Amino acid sequence: GCRACDRLVAWREQVARDKRAAFVD
């Protein structure tokens, strides 16, 4: 549940939204 680092929170969530094509599903 940690959200201490703004840059890391933004990146991890962006990657989770955009995904890699091989894992889009």
PDBML (XML) file of the C-alpha atoms, coordinates in Angstrom:
<?xml version="1.0" encoding="UTF-8" ?>
<PDBx:datablock datablockName="MODEL"
   xmlns:PDBx="http://pdbml.pdb.org/schema/pdbx-v50.xsd"
   xmlns:xsi="http://www.w3.org/2001/XMLSchema-instance"
   xsi:schemaLocation="http://pdbml.pdb.org/schema/pdbx-v50.xsd pdbx-v50.xsd">
   <PDBx:atom_siteCategory>
      <PDBx:atom_site id="1">
         <PDBx:B_iso_or_equiv>0.00</PDBx:B_iso_or_equiv>
         <PDBx:Cartn_x>0.000</PDBx:Cartn_x>
         <PDBx:Cartn_y>0.000</PDBx:Cartn_y>
         <PDBx:Cartn_z>0.000</PDBx:Cartn_z>
         <PDBx:auth_asym_id>A</PDBx:auth_asym_id>
         <PDBx:auth_atom_id>CA</PDBx:auth_atom_id>
         <PDBx:auth_comp_id>GLY</PDBx:auth_comp_id>
         <PDBx:auth_seq_id>1</PDBx:auth_seq_id>
         <PDBx:group_PDB>ATOM</PDBx:group_PDB>
         <PDBx:label_alt_id xsi:nil="true" />
         <PDBx:label_asym_id>A</PDBx:label_asym_id>
         <PDBx:label_atom_id>CA</PDBx:label_atom_id>
         <PDBx:label_comp_id>GLY</PDBx:label_comp_id>
         <PDBx:label_entity_id>1</PDBx:label_entity_id>
         <PDBx:label_seq_id>1</PDBx:label_seq_id>
         <PDBx:occupancy>1.00</PDBx:occupancy>
         <PDBx:pdbx_PDB_model_num>1</PDBx:pdbx_PDB_model_num>
         <PDBx:type_symbol>C</PDBx:type_symbol>
      </PDBx:atom_site>
      <PDBx:atom_site id="2">
         <PDBx:B_iso_or_equiv>0.00</PDBx:B_iso_or_equiv>
         <PDBx:Cartn_x>3.026</PDBx:Cartn_x>
         <PDBx:Cartn_y>2.314</PDBx:Cartn_y>
         <PDBx:Cartn_z>-0.028</PDBx:Cartn_z>
         <PDBx:auth_asym_id>A</PDBx:auth_asym_id>
         <PDBx:auth_atom_id>CA</PDBx:auth_atom_id>
         <PDBx:auth_comp_id>CYS</PDBx:auth_comp_id>
         <PDBx:auth_seq_id>2</PDBx:auth_seq_id>
         <PDBx:group_PDB>ATOM</PDBx:group_PDB>
         <PDBx:label_alt_id xsi:nil="true" />
         <PDBx:label_asym_id>A</PDBx:label_asym_id>
         <PDBx:label_atom_id>CA</PDBx:label_atom_id>
         <PDBx:label_comp_id>CYS</PDBx:label_comp_id>
         <PDBx:label_entity_id>1</PDBx:label_entity_id>
         <PDBx:label_seq_id>2</PDBx:label_seq_id>
         <PDBx:occupancy>1.00</PDBx:occupancy>
         <PDBx:pdbx_PDB_model_num>1</PDBx:pdbx_PDB_model_num>
         <PDBx:type_symbol>C</PDBx:type_symbol>
      </PDBx:atom_site>
      <PDBx:atom_site id="3">
         <PDBx:B_iso_or_equiv>0.00</PDBx:B_iso_or_equiv>
         <PDBx:Cartn_x>2.782</PDBx:Cartn_x>
         <PDBx:Cartn_y>5.440</PDBx:Cartn_y>
         <PDBx:Cartn_z>-2.218</PDBx:Cartn_z>
         <PDBx:auth_asym_id>A</PDBx:auth_asym_id>
         <PDBx:auth_atom_id>CA</PDBx:auth_atom_id>
         <PDBx:auth_comp_id>ARG</PDBx:auth_comp_id>
         <PDBx:auth_seq_id>3</PDBx:auth_seq_id>
         <PDBx:group_PDB>ATOM</PDBx:group_PDB>
         <PDBx:label_alt_id xsi:nil="true" />
         <PDBx:label_asym_id>A</PDBx:label_asym_id>
         <PDBx:label_atom_id>CA</PDBx:label_atom_id>
         <PDBx:label_comp_id>ARG</PDBx:label_comp_id>
         <PDBx:label_entity_id>1</PDBx:label_entity_id>
         <PDBx:label_seq_id>3</PDBx:label_seq_id>
         <PDBx:occupancy>1.00</PDBx:occupancy>
         <PDBx:pdbx_PDB_model_num>1</PDBx:pdbx_PDB_model_num>
         <PDBx:type_symbol>C</PDBx:type_symbol>
      </PDBx:atom_site>
      <PDBx:atom_site id="4">
         <PDBx:B_iso_or_equiv>0.00</PDBx:B_iso_or_equiv>
         <PDBx:Cartn_x>5.747</PDBx:Cartn_x>
         <PDBx:Cartn_y>7.364</PDBx:Cartn_y>
         <PDBx:Cartn_z>-0.810</PDBx:Cartn_z>
         <PDBx:auth_asym_id>A</PDBx:auth_asym_id>
         <PDBx:auth_atom_id>CA</PDBx:auth_atom_id>
         <PDBx:auth_comp_id>ALA</PDBx:auth_comp_id>
         <PDBx:auth_seq_id>4</PDBx:auth_seq_id>
         <PDBx:group_PDB>ATOM</PDBx:group_PDB>
         <PDBx:label_alt_id xsi:nil="true" />
         <PDBx:label_asym_id>A</PDBx:label_asym_id>
         <PDBx:label_atom_id>CA</PDBx:label_atom_id>
         <PDBx:label_comp_id>ALA</PDBx:label_comp_id>
         <PDBx:label_entity_id>1</PDBx:label_entity_id>
         <PDBx:label_seq_id>4</PDBx:label_seq_id>
         <PDBx:occupancy>1.00</PDBx:occupancy>
         <PDBx:pdbx_PDB_model_num>1</PDBx:pdbx_PDB_model_num>
         <PDBx:type_symbol>C</PDBx:type_symbol>
      </PDBx:atom_site>
      <PDBx:atom_site id="5">
         <PDBx:B_iso_or_equiv>0.00</PDBx:B_iso_or_equiv>
         <PDBx:Cartn_x>7.656</PDBx:Cartn_x>
         <PDBx:Cartn_y>8.002</PDBx:Cartn_y>
         <PDBx:Cartn_z>-4.057</PDBx:Cartn_z>
         <PDBx:auth_asym_id>A</PDBx:auth_asym_id>
         <PDBx:auth_atom_id>CA</PDBx:auth_atom_id>
         <PDBx:auth_comp_id>CYS</PDBx:auth_comp_id>
         <PDBx:auth_seq_id>5</PDBx:auth_seq_id>
         <PDBx:group_PDB>ATOM</PDBx:group_PDB>
         <PDBx:label_alt_id xsi:nil="true" />
         <PDBx:label_asym_id>A</PDBx:label_asym_id>
         <PDBx:label_atom_id>CA</PDBx:label_atom_id>
         <PDBx:label_comp_id>CYS</PDBx:label_comp_id>
         <PDBx:label_entity_id>1</PDBx:label_entity_id>
         <PDBx:label_seq_id>5</PDBx:label_seq_id>
         <PDBx:occupancy>1.00</PDBx:occupancy>
         <PDBx:pdbx_PDB_model_num>1</PDBx:pdbx_PDB_model_num>
         <PDBx:type_symbol>C</PDBx:type_symbol>
      </PDBx:atom_site>
      <PDBx:atom_site id="6">
         <PDBx:B_iso_or_equiv>0.00</PDBx:B_iso_or_equiv>
         <PDBx:Cartn_x>5.666</PDBx:Cartn_x>
         <PDBx:Cartn_y>9.977</PDBx:Cartn_y>
         <PDBx:Cartn_z>-6.630</PDBx:Cartn_z>
         <PDBx:auth_asym_id>A</PDBx:auth_asym_id>
         <PDBx:auth_atom_id>CA</PDBx:auth_atom_id>
         <PDBx:auth_comp_id>ASP</PDBx:auth_comp_id>
         <PDBx:auth_seq_id>6</PDBx:auth_seq_id>
         <PDBx:group_PDB>ATOM</PDBx:group_PDB>
         <PDBx:label_alt_id xsi:nil="true" />
         <PDBx:label_asym_id>A</PDBx:label_asym_id>
         <PDBx:label_atom_id>CA</PDBx:label_atom_id>
         <PDBx:label_comp_id>ASP</PDBx:label_comp_id>
         <PDBx:label_entity_id>1</PDBx:label_entity_id>
         <PDBx:label_seq_id>6</PDBx:label_seq_id>
         <PDBx:occupancy>1.00</PDBx:occupancy>
         <PDBx:pdbx_PDB_model_num>1</PDBx:pdbx_PDB_model_num>
         <PDBx:type_symbol>C</PDBx:type_symbol>
      </PDBx:atom_site>
      <PDBx:atom_site id="7">
         <PDBx:B_iso_or_equiv>0.00</PDBx:B_iso_or_equiv>
         <PDBx:Cartn_x>7.920</PDBx:Cartn_x>
         <PDBx:Cartn_y>9.071</PDBx:Cartn_y>
         <PDBx:Cartn_z>-9.570</PDBx:Cartn_z>
         <PDBx:auth_asym_id>A</PDBx:auth_asym_id>
         <PDBx:auth_atom_id>CA</PDBx:auth_atom_id>
         <PDBx:auth_comp_id>ARG</PDBx:auth_comp_id>
         <PDBx:auth_seq_id>7</PDBx:auth_seq_id>
         <PDBx:group_PDB>ATOM</PDBx:group_PDB>
         <PDBx:label_alt_id xsi:nil="true" />
         <PDBx:label_asym_id>A</PDBx:label_asym_id>
         <PDBx:label_atom_id>CA</PDBx:label_atom_id>
         <PDBx:label_comp_id>ARG</PDBx:label_comp_id>
         <PDBx:label_entity_id>1</PDBx:label_entity_id>
         <PDBx:label_seq_id>7</PDBx:label_seq_id>
         <PDBx:occupancy>1.00</PDBx:occupancy>
         <PDBx:pdbx_PDB_model_num>1</PDBx:pdbx_PDB_model_num>
         <PDBx:type_symbol>C</PDBx:type_symbol>
      </PDBx:atom_site>
      <PDBx:atom_site id="8">
         <PDBx:B_iso_or_equiv>0.00</PDBx:B_iso_or_equiv>
         <PDBx:Cartn_x>7.782</PDBx:Cartn_x>
         <PDBx:Cartn_y>5.343</PDBx:Cartn_y>
         <PDBx:Cartn_z>-8.816</PDBx:Cartn_z>
         <PDBx:auth_asym_id>A</PDBx:auth_asym_id>
         <PDBx:auth_atom_id>CA</PDBx:auth_atom_id>
         <PDBx:auth_comp_id>LEU</PDBx:auth_comp_id>
         <PDBx:auth_seq_id>8</PDBx:auth_seq_id>
         <PDBx:group_PDB>ATOM</PDBx:group_PDB>
         <PDBx:label_alt_id xsi:nil="true" />
         <PDBx:label_asym_id>A</PDBx:label_asym_id>
         <PDBx:label_atom_id>CA</PDBx:label_atom_id>
         <PDBx:label_comp_id>LEU</PDBx:label_comp_id>
         <PDBx:label_entity_id>1</PDBx:label_entity_id>
         <PDBx:label_seq_id>8</PDBx:label_seq_id>
         <PDBx:occupancy>1.00</PDBx:occupancy>
         <PDBx:pdbx_PDB_model_num>1</PDBx:pdbx_PDB_model_num>
         <PDBx:type_symbol>C</PDBx:type_symbol>
      </PDBx:atom_site>
      <PDBx:atom_site id="9">
         <PDBx:B_iso_or_equiv>0.00</PDBx:B_iso_or_equiv>
         <PDBx:Cartn_x>4.037</PDBx:Cartn_x>
         <PDBx:Cartn_y>5.343</PDBx:Cartn_y>
         <PDBx:Cartn_z>-8.219</PDBx:Cartn_z>
         <PDBx:auth_asym_id>A</PDBx:auth_asym_id>
         <PDBx:auth_atom_id>CA</PDBx:auth_atom_id>
         <PDBx:auth_comp_id>VAL</PDBx:auth_comp_id>
         <PDBx:auth_seq_id>9</PDBx:auth_seq_id>
         <PDBx:group_PDB>ATOM</PDBx:group_PDB>
         <PDBx:label_alt_id xsi:nil="true" />
         <PDBx:label_asym_id>A</PDBx:label_asym_id>
         <PDBx:label_atom_id>CA</PDBx:label_atom_id>
         <PDBx:label_comp_id>VAL</PDBx:label_comp_id>
         <PDBx:label_entity_id>1</PDBx:label_entity_id>
         <PDBx:label_seq_id>9</PDBx:label_seq_id>
         <PDBx:occupancy>1.00</PDBx:occupancy>
         <PDBx:pdbx_PDB_model_num>1</PDBx:pdbx_PDB_model_num>
         <PDBx:type_symbol>C</PDBx:type_symbol>
      </PDBx:atom_site>
      <PDBx:atom_site id="10">
         <PDBx:B_iso_or_equiv>0.00</PDBx:B_iso_or_equiv>
         <PDBx:Cartn_x>3.448</PDBx:Cartn_x>
         <PDBx:Cartn_y>7.100</PDBx:Cartn_y>
         <PDBx:Cartn_z>-11.542</PDBx:Cartn_z>
         <PDBx:auth_asym_id>A</PDBx:auth_asym_id>
         <PDBx:auth_atom_id>CA</PDBx:auth_atom_id>
         <PDBx:auth_comp_id>ALA</PDBx:auth_comp_id>
         <PDBx:auth_seq_id>10</PDBx:auth_seq_id>
         <PDBx:group_PDB>ATOM</PDBx:group_PDB>
         <PDBx:label_alt_id xsi:nil="true" />
         <PDBx:label_asym_id>A</PDBx:label_asym_id>
         <PDBx:label_atom_id>CA</PDBx:label_atom_id>
         <PDBx:label_comp_id>ALA</PDBx:label_comp_id>
         <PDBx:label_entity_id>1</PDBx:label_entity_id>
         <PDBx:label_seq_id>10</PDBx:label_seq_id>
         <PDBx:occupancy>1.00</PDBx:occupancy>
         <PDBx:pdbx_PDB_model_num>1</PDBx:pdbx_PDB_model_num>
         <PDBx:type_symbol>C</PDBx:type_symbol>
      </PDBx:atom_site>
      <PDBx:atom_site id="11">
         <PDBx:B_iso_or_equiv>0.00</PDBx:B_iso_or_equiv>
         <PDBx:Cartn_x>5.762</PDBx:Cartn_x>
         <PDBx:Cartn_y>4.741</PDBx:Cartn_y>
         <PDBx:Cartn_z>-13.446</PDBx:Cartn_z>
         <PDBx:auth_asym_id>A</PDBx:auth_asym_id>
         <PDBx:auth_atom_id>CA</PDBx:auth_atom_id>
         <PDBx:auth_comp_id>TRP</PDBx:auth_comp_id>
         <PDBx:auth_seq_id>11</PDBx:auth_seq_id>
         <PDBx:group_PDB>ATOM</PDBx:group_PDB>
         <PDBx:label_alt_id xsi:nil="true" />
         <PDBx:label_asym_id>A</PDBx:label_asym_id>
         <PDBx:label_atom_id>CA</PDBx:label_atom_id>
         <PDBx:label_comp_id>TRP</PDBx:label_comp_id>
         <PDBx:label_entity_id>1</PDBx:label_entity_id>
         <PDBx:label_seq_id>11</PDBx:label_seq_id>
         <PDBx:occupancy>1.00</PDBx:occupancy>
         <PDBx:pdbx_PDB_model_num>1</PDBx:pdbx_PDB_model_num>
         <PDBx:type_symbol>C</PDBx:type_symbol>
      </PDBx:atom_site>
      <PDBx:atom_site id="12">
         <PDBx:B_iso_or_equiv>0.00</PDBx:B_iso_or_equiv>
         <PDBx:Cartn_x>4.556</PDBx:Cartn_x>
         <PDBx:Cartn_y>1.442</PDBx:Cartn_y>
         <PDBx:Cartn_z>-11.989</PDBx:Cartn_z>
         <PDBx:auth_asym_id>A</PDBx:auth_asym_id>
         <PDBx:auth_atom_id>CA</PDBx:auth_atom_id>
         <PDBx:auth_comp_id>ARG</PDBx:auth_comp_id>
         <PDBx:auth_seq_id>12</PDBx:auth_seq_id>
         <PDBx:group_PDB>ATOM</PDBx:group_PDB>
         <PDBx:label_alt_id xsi:nil="true" />
         <PDBx:label_asym_id>A</PDBx:label_asym_id>
         <PDBx:label_atom_id>CA</PDBx:label_atom_id>
         <PDBx:label_comp_id>ARG</PDBx:label_comp_id>
         <PDBx:label_entity_id>1</PDBx:label_entity_id>
         <PDBx:label_seq_id>12</PDBx:label_seq_id>
         <PDBx:occupancy>1.00</PDBx:occupancy>
         <PDBx:pdbx_PDB_model_num>1</PDBx:pdbx_PDB_model_num>
         <PDBx:type_symbol>C</PDBx:type_symbol>
      </PDBx:atom_site>
      <PDBx:atom_site id="13">
         <PDBx:B_iso_or_equiv>0.00</PDBx:B_iso_or_equiv>
         <PDBx:Cartn_x>0.933</PDBx:Cartn_x>
         <PDBx:Cartn_y>2.438</PDBx:Cartn_y>
         <PDBx:Cartn_z>-12.650</PDBx:Cartn_z>
         <PDBx:auth_asym_id>A</PDBx:auth_asym_id>
         <PDBx:auth_atom_id>CA</PDBx:auth_atom_id>
         <PDBx:auth_comp_id>GLU</PDBx:auth_comp_id>
         <PDBx:auth_seq_id>13</PDBx:auth_seq_id>
         <PDBx:group_PDB>ATOM</PDBx:group_PDB>
         <PDBx:label_alt_id xsi:nil="true" />
         <PDBx:label_asym_id>A</PDBx:label_asym_id>
         <PDBx:label_atom_id>CA</PDBx:label_atom_id>
         <PDBx:label_comp_id>GLU</PDBx:label_comp_id>
         <PDBx:label_entity_id>1</PDBx:label_entity_id>
         <PDBx:label_seq_id>13</PDBx:label_seq_id>
         <PDBx:occupancy>1.00</PDBx:occupancy>
         <PDBx:pdbx_PDB_model_num>1</PDBx:pdbx_PDB_model_num>
         <PDBx:type_symbol>C</PDBx:type_symbol>
      </PDBx:atom_site>
      <PDBx:atom_site id="14">
         <PDBx:B_iso_or_equiv>0.00</PDBx:B_iso_or_equiv>
         <PDBx:Cartn_x>1.642</PDBx:Cartn_x>
         <PDBx:Cartn_y>3.704</PDBx:Cartn_y>
         <PDBx:Cartn_z>-16.166</PDBx:Cartn_z>
         <PDBx:auth_asym_id>A</PDBx:auth_asym_id>
         <PDBx:auth_atom_id>CA</PDBx:auth_atom_id>
         <PDBx:auth_comp_id>GLN</PDBx:auth_comp_id>
         <PDBx:auth_seq_id>14</PDBx:auth_seq_id>
         <PDBx:group_PDB>ATOM</PDBx:group_PDB>
         <PDBx:label_alt_id xsi:nil="true" />
         <PDBx:label_asym_id>A</PDBx:label_asym_id>
         <PDBx:label_atom_id>CA</PDBx:label_atom_id>
         <PDBx:label_comp_id>GLN</PDBx:label_comp_id>
         <PDBx:label_entity_id>1</PDBx:label_entity_id>
         <PDBx:label_seq_id>14</PDBx:label_seq_id>
         <PDBx:occupancy>1.00</PDBx:occupancy>
         <PDBx:pdbx_PDB_model_num>1</PDBx:pdbx_PDB_model_num>
         <PDBx:type_symbol>C</PDBx:type_symbol>
      </PDBx:atom_site>
      <PDBx:atom_site id="15">
         <PDBx:B_iso_or_equiv>0.00</PDBx:B_iso_or_equiv>
         <PDBx:Cartn_x>3.330</PDBx:Cartn_x>
         <PDBx:Cartn_y>0.412</PDBx:Cartn_y>
         <PDBx:Cartn_z>-17.051</PDBx:Cartn_z>
         <PDBx:auth_asym_id>A</PDBx:auth_asym_id>
         <PDBx:auth_atom_id>CA</PDBx:auth_atom_id>
         <PDBx:auth_comp_id>VAL</PDBx:auth_comp_id>
         <PDBx:auth_seq_id>15</PDBx:auth_seq_id>
         <PDBx:group_PDB>ATOM</PDBx:group_PDB>
         <PDBx:label_alt_id xsi:nil="true" />
         <PDBx:label_asym_id>A</PDBx:label_asym_id>
         <PDBx:label_atom_id>CA</PDBx:label_atom_id>
         <PDBx:label_comp_id>VAL</PDBx:label_comp_id>
         <PDBx:label_entity_id>1</PDBx:label_entity_id>
         <PDBx:label_seq_id>15</PDBx:label_seq_id>
         <PDBx:occupancy>1.00</PDBx:occupancy>
         <PDBx:pdbx_PDB_model_num>1</PDBx:pdbx_PDB_model_num>
         <PDBx:type_symbol>C</PDBx:type_symbol>
      </PDBx:atom_site>
      <PDBx:atom_site id="16">
         <PDBx:B_iso_or_equiv>0.00</PDBx:B_iso_or_equiv>
         <PDBx:Cartn_x>0.374</PDBx:Cartn_x>
         <PDBx:Cartn_y>-1.483</PDBx:Cartn_y>
         <PDBx:Cartn_z>-15.591</PDBx:Cartn_z>
         <PDBx:auth_asym_id>A</PDBx:auth_asym_id>
         <PDBx:auth_atom_id>CA</PDBx:auth_atom_id>
         <PDBx:auth_comp_id>ALA</PDBx:auth_comp_id>
         <PDBx:auth_seq_id>16</PDBx:auth_seq_id>
         <PDBx:group_PDB>ATOM</PDBx:group_PDB>
         <PDBx:label_alt_id xsi:nil="true" />
         <PDBx:label_asym_id>A</PDBx:label_asym_id>
         <PDBx:label_atom_id>CA</PDBx:label_atom_id>
         <PDBx:label_comp_id>ALA</PDBx:label_comp_id>
         <PDBx:label_entity_id>1</PDBx:label_entity_id>
         <PDBx:label_seq_id>16</PDBx:label_seq_id>
         <PDBx:occupancy>1.00</PDBx:occupancy>
         <PDBx:pdbx_PDB_model_num>1</PDBx:pdbx_PDB_model_num>
         <PDBx:type_symbol>C</PDBx:type_symbol>
      </PDBx:atom_site>
      <PDBx:atom_site id="17">
         <PDBx:B_iso_or_equiv>0.00</PDBx:B_iso_or_equiv>
         <PDBx:Cartn_x>-2.006</PDBx:Cartn_x>
         <PDBx:Cartn_y>0.503</PDBx:Cartn_y>
         <PDBx:Cartn_z>-17.811</PDBx:Cartn_z>
         <PDBx:auth_asym_id>A</PDBx:auth_asym_id>
         <PDBx:auth_atom_id>CA</PDBx:auth_atom_id>
         <PDBx:auth_comp_id>ARG</PDBx:auth_comp_id>
         <PDBx:auth_seq_id>17</PDBx:auth_seq_id>
         <PDBx:group_PDB>ATOM</PDBx:group_PDB>
         <PDBx:label_alt_id xsi:nil="true" />
         <PDBx:label_asym_id>A</PDBx:label_asym_id>
         <PDBx:label_atom_id>CA</PDBx:label_atom_id>
         <PDBx:label_comp_id>ARG</PDBx:label_comp_id>
         <PDBx:label_entity_id>1</PDBx:label_entity_id>
         <PDBx:label_seq_id>17</PDBx:label_seq_id>
         <PDBx:occupancy>1.00</PDBx:occupancy>
         <PDBx:pdbx_PDB_model_num>1</PDBx:pdbx_PDB_model_num>
         <PDBx:type_symbol>C</PDBx:type_symbol>
      </PDBx:atom_site>
      <PDBx:atom_site id="18">
         <PDBx:B_iso_or_equiv>0.00</PDBx:B_iso_or_equiv>
         <PDBx:Cartn_x>-0.024</PDBx:Cartn_x>
         <PDBx:Cartn_y>0.504</PDBx:Cartn_y>
         <PDBx:Cartn_z>-21.030</PDBx:Cartn_z>
         <PDBx:auth_asym_id>A</PDBx:auth_asym_id>
         <PDBx:auth_atom_id>CA</PDBx:auth_atom_id>
         <PDBx:auth_comp_id>ASP</PDBx:auth_comp_id>
         <PDBx:auth_seq_id>18</PDBx:auth_seq_id>
         <PDBx:group_PDB>ATOM</PDBx:group_PDB>
         <PDBx:label_alt_id xsi:nil="true" />
         <PDBx:label_asym_id>A</PDBx:label_asym_id>
         <PDBx:label_atom_id>CA</PDBx:label_atom_id>
         <PDBx:label_comp_id>ASP</PDBx:label_comp_id>
         <PDBx:label_entity_id>1</PDBx:label_entity_id>
         <PDBx:label_seq_id>18</PDBx:label_seq_id>
         <PDBx:occupancy>1.00</PDBx:occupancy>
         <PDBx:pdbx_PDB_model_num>1</PDBx:pdbx_PDB_model_num>
         <PDBx:type_symbol>C</PDBx:type_symbol>
      </PDBx:atom_site>
      <PDBx:atom_site id="19">
         <PDBx:B_iso_or_equiv>0.00</PDBx:B_iso_or_equiv>
         <PDBx:Cartn_x>1.326</PDBx:Cartn_x>
         <PDBx:Cartn_y>-3.068</PDBx:Cartn_y>
         <PDBx:Cartn_z>-20.717</PDBx:Cartn_z>
         <PDBx:auth_asym_id>A</PDBx:auth_asym_id>
         <PDBx:auth_atom_id>CA</PDBx:auth_atom_id>
         <PDBx:auth_comp_id>LYS</PDBx:auth_comp_id>
         <PDBx:auth_seq_id>19</PDBx:auth_seq_id>
         <PDBx:group_PDB>ATOM</PDBx:group_PDB>
         <PDBx:label_alt_id xsi:nil="true" />
         <PDBx:label_asym_id>A</PDBx:label_asym_id>
         <PDBx:label_atom_id>CA</PDBx:label_atom_id>
         <PDBx:label_comp_id>LYS</PDBx:label_comp_id>
         <PDBx:label_entity_id>1</PDBx:label_entity_id>
         <PDBx:label_seq_id>19</PDBx:label_seq_id>
         <PDBx:occupancy>1.00</PDBx:occupancy>
         <PDBx:pdbx_PDB_model_num>1</PDBx:pdbx_PDB_model_num>
         <PDBx:type_symbol>C</PDBx:type_symbol>
      </PDBx:atom_site>
      <PDBx:atom_site id="20">
         <PDBx:B_iso_or_equiv>0.00</PDBx:B_iso_or_equiv>
         <PDBx:Cartn_x>3.663</PDBx:Cartn_x>
         <PDBx:Cartn_y>-4.871</PDBx:Cartn_y>
         <PDBx:Cartn_z>-23.063</PDBx:Cartn_z>
         <PDBx:auth_asym_id>A</PDBx:auth_asym_id>
         <PDBx:auth_atom_id>CA</PDBx:auth_atom_id>
         <PDBx:auth_comp_id>ARG</PDBx:auth_comp_id>
         <PDBx:auth_seq_id>20</PDBx:auth_seq_id>
         <PDBx:group_PDB>ATOM</PDBx:group_PDB>
         <PDBx:label_alt_id xsi:nil="true" />
         <PDBx:label_asym_id>A</PDBx:label_asym_id>
         <PDBx:label_atom_id>CA</PDBx:label_atom_id>
         <PDBx:label_comp_id>ARG</PDBx:label_comp_id>
         <PDBx:label_entity_id>1</PDBx:label_entity_id>
         <PDBx:label_seq_id>20</PDBx:label_seq_id>
         <PDBx:occupancy>1.00</PDBx:occupancy>
         <PDBx:pdbx_PDB_model_num>1</PDBx:pdbx_PDB_model_num>
         <PDBx:type_symbol>C</PDBx:type_symbol>
      </PDBx:atom_site>
      <PDBx:atom_site id="21">
         <PDBx:B_iso_or_equiv>0.00</PDBx:B_iso_or_equiv>
         <PDBx:Cartn_x>2.062</PDBx:Cartn_x>
         <PDBx:Cartn_y>-6.320</PDBx:Cartn_y>
         <PDBx:Cartn_z>-26.175</PDBx:Cartn_z>
         <PDBx:auth_asym_id>A</PDBx:auth_asym_id>
         <PDBx:auth_atom_id>CA</PDBx:auth_atom_id>
         <PDBx:auth_comp_id>ALA</PDBx:auth_comp_id>
         <PDBx:auth_seq_id>21</PDBx:auth_seq_id>
         <PDBx:group_PDB>ATOM</PDBx:group_PDB>
         <PDBx:label_alt_id xsi:nil="true" />
         <PDBx:label_asym_id>A</PDBx:label_asym_id>
         <PDBx:label_atom_id>CA</PDBx:label_atom_id>
         <PDBx:label_comp_id>ALA</PDBx:label_comp_id>
         <PDBx:label_entity_id>1</PDBx:label_entity_id>
         <PDBx:label_seq_id>21</PDBx:label_seq_id>
         <PDBx:occupancy>1.00</PDBx:occupancy>
         <PDBx:pdbx_PDB_model_num>1</PDBx:pdbx_PDB_model_num>
         <PDBx:type_symbol>C</PDBx:type_symbol>
      </PDBx:atom_site>
      <PDBx:atom_site id="22">
         <PDBx:B_iso_or_equiv>0.00</PDBx:B_iso_or_equiv>
         <PDBx:Cartn_x>2.905</PDBx:Cartn_x>
         <PDBx:Cartn_y>-9.890</PDBx:Cartn_y>
         <PDBx:Cartn_z>-25.098</PDBx:Cartn_z>
         <PDBx:auth_asym_id>A</PDBx:auth_asym_id>
         <PDBx:auth_atom_id>CA</PDBx:auth_atom_id>
         <PDBx:auth_comp_id>ALA</PDBx:auth_comp_id>
         <PDBx:auth_seq_id>22</PDBx:auth_seq_id>
         <PDBx:group_PDB>ATOM</PDBx:group_PDB>
         <PDBx:label_alt_id xsi:nil="true" />
         <PDBx:label_asym_id>A</PDBx:label_asym_id>
         <PDBx:label_atom_id>CA</PDBx:label_atom_id>
         <PDBx:label_comp_id>ALA</PDBx:label_comp_id>
         <PDBx:label_entity_id>1</PDBx:label_entity_id>
         <PDBx:label_seq_id>22</PDBx:label_seq_id>
         <PDBx:occupancy>1.00</PDBx:occupancy>
         <PDBx:pdbx_PDB_model_num>1</PDBx:pdbx_PDB_model_num>
         <PDBx:type_symbol>C</PDBx:type_symbol>
      </PDBx:atom_site>
      <PDBx:atom_site id="23">
         <PDBx:B_iso_or_equiv>0.00</PDBx:B_iso_or_equiv>
         <PDBx:Cartn_x>0.945</PDBx:Cartn_x>
         <PDBx:Cartn_y>-9.402</PDBx:Cartn_y>
         <PDBx:Cartn_z>-21.857</PDBx:Cartn_z>
         <PDBx:auth_asym_id>A</PDBx:auth_asym_id>
         <PDBx:auth_atom_id>CA</PDBx:auth_atom_id>
         <PDBx:auth_comp_id>PHE</PDBx:auth_comp_id>
         <PDBx:auth_seq_id>23</PDBx:auth_seq_id>
         <PDBx:group_PDB>ATOM</PDBx:group_PDB>
         <PDBx:label_alt_id xsi:nil="true" />
         <PDBx:label_asym_id>A</PDBx:label_asym_id>
         <PDBx:label_atom_id>CA</PDBx:label_atom_id>
         <PDBx:label_comp_id>PHE</PDBx:label_comp_id>
         <PDBx:label_entity_id>1</PDBx:label_entity_id>
         <PDBx:label_seq_id>23</PDBx:label_seq_id>
         <PDBx:occupancy>1.00</PDBx:occupancy>
         <PDBx:pdbx_PDB_model_num>1</PDBx:pdbx_PDB_model_num>
         <PDBx:type_symbol>C</PDBx:type_symbol>
      </PDBx:atom_site>
      <PDBx:atom_site id="24">
         <PDBx:B_iso_or_equiv>0.00</PDBx:B_iso_or_equiv>
         <PDBx:Cartn_x>-1.871</PDBx:Cartn_x>
         <PDBx:Cartn_y>-7.178</PDBx:Cartn_y>
         <PDBx:Cartn_z>-23.071</PDBx:Cartn_z>
         <PDBx:auth_asym_id>A</PDBx:auth_asym_id>
         <PDBx:auth_atom_id>CA</PDBx:auth_atom_id>
         <PDBx:auth_comp_id>VAL</PDBx:auth_comp_id>
         <PDBx:auth_seq_id>24</PDBx:auth_seq_id>
         <PDBx:group_PDB>ATOM</PDBx:group_PDB>
         <PDBx:label_alt_id xsi:nil="true" />
         <PDBx:label_asym_id>A</PDBx:label_asym_id>
         <PDBx:label_atom_id>CA</PDBx:label_atom_id>
         <PDBx:label_comp_id>VAL</PDBx:label_comp_id>
         <PDBx:label_entity_id>1</PDBx:label_entity_id>
         <PDBx:label_seq_id>24</PDBx:label_seq_id>
         <PDBx:occupancy>1.00</PDBx:occupancy>
         <PDBx:pdbx_PDB_model_num>1</PDBx:pdbx_PDB_model_num>
         <PDBx:type_symbol>C</PDBx:type_symbol>
      </PDBx:atom_site>
      <PDBx:atom_site id="25">
         <PDBx:B_iso_or_equiv>0.00</PDBx:B_iso_or_equiv>
         <PDBx:Cartn_x>-4.506</PDBx:Cartn_x>
         <PDBx:Cartn_y>-9.680</PDBx:Cartn_y>
         <PDBx:Cartn_z>-21.893</PDBx:Cartn_z>
         <PDBx:auth_asym_id>A</PDBx:auth_asym_id>
         <PDBx:auth_atom_id>CA</PDBx:auth_atom_id>
         <PDBx:auth_comp_id>ASP</PDBx:auth_comp_id>
         <PDBx:auth_seq_id>25</PDBx:auth_seq_id>
         <PDBx:group_PDB>ATOM</PDBx:group_PDB>
         <PDBx:label_alt_id xsi:nil="true" />
         <PDBx:label_asym_id>A</PDBx:label_asym_id>
         <PDBx:label_atom_id>CA</PDBx:label_atom_id>
         <PDBx:label_comp_id>ASP</PDBx:label_comp_id>
         <PDBx:label_entity_id>1</PDBx:label_entity_id>
         <PDBx:label_seq_id>25</PDBx:label_seq_id>
         <PDBx:occupancy>1.00</PDBx:occupancy>
         <PDBx:pdbx_PDB_model_num>1</PDBx:pdbx_PDB_model_num>
         <PDBx:type_symbol>C</PDBx:type_symbol>
      </PDBx:atom_site>
   </PDBx:atom_siteCategory>
</PDBx:datablock>
